[in-house]
Protein backbone atom coordinates (compact mmCIF):
# COMPACT_ATOMS: atom_id res chain seq x y z
CA MET A 1 52.24 -22.35 -119.14
CA LYS A 2 53.34 -24.91 -116.79
CA ALA A 3 56.67 -25.10 -115.19
CA THR A 4 58.61 -28.47 -115.76
CA TYR A 5 60.96 -30.16 -113.45
CA GLU A 6 63.46 -29.74 -115.97
CA GLN A 7 62.89 -25.92 -116.22
CA VAL A 8 63.08 -25.60 -112.52
CA ILE A 9 66.32 -27.49 -112.17
CA ASP A 10 67.72 -25.34 -115.15
CA ASP A 11 66.49 -22.23 -113.61
CA ILE A 12 68.28 -23.06 -110.15
CA LEU A 13 71.36 -24.00 -111.89
CA SER A 14 71.36 -20.79 -113.82
CA ILE A 15 70.97 -18.73 -110.74
CA ALA A 16 73.64 -20.59 -109.03
CA SER A 17 76.15 -20.15 -112.01
CA SER A 18 75.37 -16.46 -111.97
CA HIS A 19 76.55 -16.15 -108.48
CA LYS A 20 80.15 -14.49 -108.03
CA GLN A 21 81.19 -16.79 -105.40
CA VAL A 22 80.21 -20.14 -107.02
CA ASN A 23 82.84 -21.73 -109.32
CA ASP A 24 80.81 -24.90 -110.40
CA THR A 25 77.31 -26.41 -110.29
CA GLY A 26 75.84 -29.65 -111.04
CA TYR A 27 72.69 -31.75 -110.69
CA GLY A 28 72.54 -35.54 -110.03
CA ASP A 29 73.25 -38.08 -107.11
CA VAL A 30 75.39 -37.05 -104.26
CA TRP A 31 78.13 -39.82 -105.11
CA GLU A 32 78.68 -37.74 -108.38
CA ILE A 33 79.98 -34.72 -106.94
CA ASN A 34 83.62 -35.35 -106.15
CA LYS A 35 83.90 -37.40 -109.34
CA THR A 36 83.10 -34.52 -111.53
CA GLN A 37 83.04 -31.16 -109.65
CA ASN A 38 86.58 -30.07 -108.25
CA ASN A 39 86.37 -26.36 -108.72
CA LYS A 40 84.96 -25.30 -105.30
CA PRO A 41 82.91 -23.83 -104.01
CA ILE A 42 79.99 -25.54 -105.88
CA VAL A 43 76.30 -25.82 -105.69
CA TRP A 44 74.90 -29.21 -106.46
CA ILE A 45 71.33 -30.08 -106.77
CA THR A 46 69.81 -33.55 -105.78
CA ASP A 47 66.24 -34.82 -105.69
CA SER A 48 64.10 -34.87 -102.66
CA LYS A 49 60.46 -35.91 -102.12
CA SER A 50 58.14 -34.43 -104.82
CA ARG A 51 54.30 -34.61 -104.52
CA LEU A 52 50.87 -33.25 -105.67
CA ASN A 53 49.29 -31.19 -102.95
CA GLY A 54 45.89 -29.67 -103.32
CA GLY A 55 46.12 -29.19 -107.19
CA ARG A 56 49.72 -27.94 -106.88
CA LEU A 57 52.85 -29.95 -108.04
CA VAL A 58 55.67 -29.58 -105.48
CA PHE A 59 59.20 -30.43 -106.53
CA GLY A 60 61.51 -31.29 -103.56
CA PHE A 61 65.14 -30.57 -104.03
CA HIS A 62 68.32 -30.53 -101.88
CA LEU A 63 70.89 -27.82 -102.65
CA LEU A 64 74.27 -28.73 -101.44
CA ILE A 65 76.92 -25.81 -101.25
CA LEU A 66 80.12 -27.31 -100.52
CA ASP A 67 83.89 -25.86 -100.29
CA GLN A 68 87.13 -27.39 -99.37
CA THR A 69 88.71 -26.72 -96.05
CA THR A 70 92.31 -26.39 -95.29
CA HIS A 71 94.15 -29.49 -94.28
CA ASP A 72 93.81 -28.92 -90.35
CA GLU A 73 90.21 -27.60 -91.01
CA SER A 74 90.92 -24.50 -89.16
CA ASN A 75 88.66 -22.61 -91.80
CA GLU A 76 85.53 -24.71 -91.46
CA LYS A 77 83.34 -22.28 -89.83
CA LYS A 78 84.24 -19.52 -92.24
CA ILE A 79 83.35 -22.28 -95.22
CA ILE A 80 80.18 -22.98 -93.51
CA SER A 81 79.34 -19.46 -92.88
CA ASP A 82 80.23 -18.61 -96.60
CA CYS A 83 78.29 -21.47 -98.06
CA MET A 84 75.04 -20.47 -96.02
CA LEU A 85 75.21 -16.97 -97.28
CA ILE A 86 75.46 -18.24 -100.87
CA GLY A 87 72.50 -20.37 -100.27
CA VAL A 88 70.49 -17.64 -98.80
CA ASP A 89 71.45 -15.37 -101.88
CA ILE A 90 70.18 -18.09 -104.22
CA ILE A 91 67.06 -18.69 -102.21
CA GLY A 92 66.32 -15.00 -102.19
CA LYS A 93 66.87 -15.02 -105.91
CA LEU A 94 64.37 -17.83 -106.44
CA TRP A 95 61.52 -16.06 -104.56
CA ASN A 96 60.84 -13.69 -107.59
CA TYR A 97 62.37 -15.74 -110.43
CA SER A 98 59.34 -16.91 -111.96
CA THR A 99 55.58 -16.30 -112.33
CA VAL A 100 54.80 -19.98 -112.78
CA TYR A 101 56.27 -21.38 -109.71
CA HIS A 102 57.66 -20.18 -106.28
CA ILE A 103 59.71 -21.38 -103.47
CA ASP A 104 58.03 -22.37 -100.32
CA ASP A 105 59.78 -19.93 -98.25
CA GLU A 106 58.28 -21.06 -94.97
CA ASN A 107 59.69 -24.62 -95.11
CA VAL A 108 63.28 -24.25 -95.90
CA SER A 109 65.55 -26.33 -93.94
CA ILE A 110 69.35 -25.68 -93.59
CA ASN A 111 71.85 -28.51 -92.33
CA VAL A 112 75.41 -28.02 -91.90
CA VAL A 113 77.73 -30.56 -93.58
CA THR A 114 81.08 -31.44 -92.68
CA GLU A 115 83.71 -33.88 -93.94
CA PHE A 116 81.46 -34.51 -96.89
CA ASP A 117 81.76 -37.78 -98.46
CA LYS A 118 85.03 -38.64 -96.40
CA SER A 119 86.49 -35.51 -97.89
CA LYS A 120 87.65 -32.18 -96.46
CA ASP A 121 84.69 -30.30 -98.02
CA ALA A 122 82.27 -28.41 -95.78
CA GLY A 123 79.15 -26.34 -96.31
CA VAL A 124 75.44 -26.52 -96.08
CA ARG A 125 72.60 -28.51 -97.38
CA PHE A 126 69.21 -26.52 -98.09
CA GLU A 127 66.12 -28.51 -98.36
CA ILE A 128 63.64 -26.70 -100.52
CA ASP A 129 60.20 -27.01 -102.18
CA ILE A 130 59.26 -25.35 -105.31
CA ILE A 131 55.48 -25.02 -105.83
CA VAL A 132 53.87 -25.11 -109.33
CA ASP A 133 50.63 -23.60 -108.87
CA GLU A 134 47.66 -24.89 -111.07
CA ALA A 135 49.41 -27.98 -112.08
CA LEU A 136 46.15 -29.85 -112.48
CA ASN A 137 44.65 -27.31 -114.95
CA SER A 138 42.85 -29.74 -117.23
CA CYS A 139 42.58 -26.93 -119.88
CA ASP A 140 46.39 -27.33 -120.53
CA ALA A 141 46.31 -31.26 -120.54
CA PRO A 142 46.88 -32.86 -124.02
CA PHE A 143 43.71 -34.69 -124.29
CA GLU A 144 40.80 -34.52 -127.00
């Protein structure tokens, strides 16, 4: 069985939703976040570069983990720190979550995000790749 794009996204959202510090999750373009998600902290998945690499399908995603700072932003470092730990927890859970795909744990980038989309939201953006081994297995392809 191959992992699909939809399955991987649903798995990440399921993992994020089960985290006790996460209040909301979603998937889509960045501009959709503040229009629909107001119960922070949130985990939001956006697309990144996907590719075929040596017979493996690699899905690229950004995981945005955001929370709202106080009006004077005095808790910004704490928010960033907490969001980073939430992201690390999610990445750790992804390592052993599936037998048909795995996270490329050697190439996870983490970027700090402040004043996200002109708001008081802060947090982190994880750039991850999910690798589906044997994606080009012709035995599974629906050809005669």
